[in-house]
Every structure is written in C-alpha cells, then in structure tokens.
Amino acid sequence: MISFDLELFKKLSFEIFNVDSPTGYTSKVIKLIESYIKELGYNYQIKNNGALEVSIKGNSSKLTALLQQ
C-alpha cells in the first residue's frame, strides 16, 4: 500500500497550480509534472498530442488515468 504524504501533496499542488498555463497551453505544467514523475522513478511517455501517460503498477490493470493537453 502506498502511503499518502499530505504535506508533499500540498507542496506539489501549490507548484502545479501556480504554473502559468492559460487554457490550451499546458506544455509548461506537463514538463513540471514530468520532472516529478522522473524523480519518483515511474515509467512514462509523452504522446504525440502532448498527453502525459504514466505507468504505475497496481493490483488491477483495468484502472487507467490520462493527463492530456
């Protein structure tokens, strides 16, 4: 089970929400999240359409989330 670090969540959320990214221009925030993903050691891909796909092993292969531009 992954533990939830509320203080880290608050810190990352604050940083993400303060990135200048007007509607439709999300490349800066995608790059910031990409840096967090790299630091955590997860496998990821940036798709041709700019979506960030992260692979996180879990108990079920049926659950998927996609962060897309």
Protein backbone atom coordinates (compact mmCIF):
# COMPACT_ATOMS: atom_id res chain seq x y z
CA MET A 1 0.00 0.00 0.00
CA ILE A 2 1.30 3.45 -0.90
CA SER A 3 1.26 5.94 1.96
CA PHE A 4 -0.21 9.38 1.34
CA ASP A 5 2.02 12.33 2.24
CA LEU A 6 -0.36 15.26 2.73
CA GLU A 7 2.43 17.84 3.03
CA LEU A 8 4.06 16.67 -0.23
CA PHE A 9 0.64 16.74 -1.90
CA LYS A 10 0.10 20.32 -0.74
CA LYS A 11 3.57 21.37 -1.96
CA LEU A 12 3.22 19.76 -5.39
CA SER A 13 -0.34 21.01 -5.82
CA PHE A 14 0.73 24.56 -4.99
CA GLU A 15 3.59 24.38 -7.53
CA ILE A 16 1.39 22.88 -10.25
CA PHE A 17 -1.49 25.32 -9.74
CA ASN A 18 0.90 28.28 -9.90
CA VAL A 19 2.34 27.41 -13.32
CA ASP A 20 1.35 29.99 -15.93
CA SER A 21 -0.67 27.83 -18.32
CA PRO A 22 -3.63 29.55 -19.96
CA THR A 23 -6.36 27.36 -21.40
CA GLY A 24 -4.92 25.19 -24.14
CA TYR A 25 -1.27 25.91 -23.29
CA THR A 26 -0.33 23.17 -20.87
CA SER A 27 3.20 22.29 -22.00
CA LYS A 28 4.80 24.08 -19.01
CA VAL A 29 2.72 22.19 -16.47
CA ILE A 30 3.23 18.89 -18.32
CA LYS A 31 7.02 19.44 -18.15
CA LEU A 32 6.78 20.19 -14.42
CA ILE A 33 4.76 17.03 -13.76
CA GLU A 34 7.20 15.09 -15.98
CA SER A 35 10.03 16.18 -13.66
CA TYR A 36 8.10 14.86 -10.62
CA ILE A 37 7.41 11.56 -12.42
CA LYS A 38 11.12 11.15 -13.29
CA GLU A 39 12.11 11.88 -9.69
CA LEU A 40 9.67 9.22 -8.44
CA GLY A 41 11.08 6.69 -10.92
CA TYR A 42 7.86 5.86 -12.79
CA ASN A 43 7.78 4.90 -16.46
CA TYR A 44 6.07 7.49 -18.64
CA GLN A 45 5.57 8.67 -22.21
CA ILE A 46 4.61 11.99 -23.71
CA LYS A 47 2.23 11.19 -26.55
CA ASN A 48 2.15 12.95 -29.95
CA ASN A 49 -0.82 15.03 -28.79
CA GLY A 50 1.07 16.20 -25.68
CA ALA A 51 -0.68 13.85 -23.23
CA LEU A 52 1.42 12.52 -20.36
CA GLU A 53 0.95 8.78 -19.82
CA VAL A 54 2.39 7.31 -16.60
CA SER A 55 2.65 3.60 -15.84
CA ILE A 56 2.20 2.70 -12.17
CA LYS A 57 1.97 -0.96 -11.23
CA GLY A 58 -1.06 -1.80 -9.13
CA ASN A 59 -3.42 -4.60 -8.25
CA SER A 60 -5.64 -4.13 -11.32
CA SER A 61 -4.81 -3.50 -14.96
CA LYS A 62 -8.34 -2.15 -15.52
CA LEU A 63 -7.66 1.27 -13.98
CA THR A 64 -6.20 3.94 -16.25
CA ALA A 65 -5.81 7.73 -15.98
CA LEU A 66 -4.62 10.12 -18.69
CA LEU A 67 -3.46 13.71 -18.25
CA GLN A 68 -3.95 15.35 -21.63
CA GLN A 69 -3.31 18.76 -23.14
